C-alpha atoms as a PDB file:
ATOM      1  CA  MET A   1      28.649   5.497   3.917  1.00  0.00           C
ATOM      2  CA  LYS A   2      27.723   8.571   5.949  1.00  0.00           C
ATOM      3  CA  GLN A   3      25.602   9.996   3.135  1.00  0.00           C
ATOM      4  CA  THR A   4      23.542   6.823   2.732  1.00  0.00           C
ATOM      5  CA  ASP A   5      23.236   6.498   6.524  1.00  0.00           C
ATOM      6  CA  SER A   6      21.838  10.010   6.854  1.00  0.00           C
ATOM      7  CA  ARG A   7      19.524   9.394   3.902  1.00  0.00           C
ATOM      8  CA  LYS A   8      18.219   6.228   5.576  1.00  0.00           C
ATOM      9  CA  ASN A   9      17.719   8.182   8.812  1.00  0.00           C
ATOM     10  CA  ILE A  10      15.699  10.817   6.962  1.00  0.00           C
ATOM     11  CA  ASN A  11      13.564   8.106   5.351  1.00  0.00           C
ATOM     12  CA  ASP A  12      12.984   6.475   8.749  1.00  0.00           C
ATOM     13  CA  LYS A  13      11.956   9.834  10.217  1.00  0.00           C
ATOM     14  CA  LEU A  14       9.605  10.485   7.306  1.00  0.00           C
ATOM     15  CA  GLU A  15       7.986   7.080   7.777  1.00  0.00           C
ATOM     16  CA  LEU A  16       7.586   7.769  11.505  1.00  0.00           C
ATOM     17  CA  ASN A  17       5.969  11.131  10.756  1.00  0.00           C
ATOM     18  CA  ILE A  18       3.593   9.514   8.245  1.00  0.00           C
ATOM     19  CA  ASP A  19       2.664   6.817  10.781  1.00  0.00           C
ATOM     20  CA  PHE A  20       2.082   9.494  13.428  1.00  0.00           C
ATOM     21  CA  TYR A  21      -0.036  11.593  11.031  1.00  0.00           C
ATOM     22  CA  ASN A  22      -2.119   8.573  10.017  1.00  0.00           C
ATOM     23  CA  HIS A  23      -2.601   7.685  13.698  1.00  0.00           C
ATOM     24  CA  ILE A  24      -3.899  11.208  14.439  1.00  0.00           C
ATOM     25  CA  ARG A  25      -6.136  11.131  11.360  1.00  0.00           C
ATOM     26  CA  VAL A  26      -7.629   7.781  12.395  1.00  0.00           C
ATOM     27  CA  LYS A  27      -8.161   9.121  15.915  1.00  0.00           C
ATOM     28  CA  ARG A  28      -9.990  12.162  14.544  1.00  0.00           C
ATOM     29  CA  LYS A  29     -12.150   9.999  12.285  1.00  0.00           C
ATOM     30  CA  THR A  30     -13.114   7.708  15.156  1.00  0.00           C
ATOM     31  CA  LYS A  31     -13.770  10.750  17.346  1.00  0.00           C
ATOM     32  CA  LYS A  32     -16.263  12.032  14.775  1.00  0.00           C
ATOM     33  CA  ILE A  33     -17.969   8.646  14.524  1.00  0.00           C
ATOM     34  CA  TYR A  34     -17.886   8.003  18.292  1.00  0.00           C
ATOM     35  CA  PRO A  35     -17.922  11.370  20.070  1.00  0.00           C
ATOM     36  CA  ALA A  36     -16.592  10.949  23.599  1.00  0.00           C
END
């Protein structure tokens, strides 16, 4: 149980990191299109 739990935690963290990275990338793209 512990092994699968930790594996699920790692997957959740990876997904969070990917979401965060995509959010930053989108922000940068919009910044280029609409410079503040």
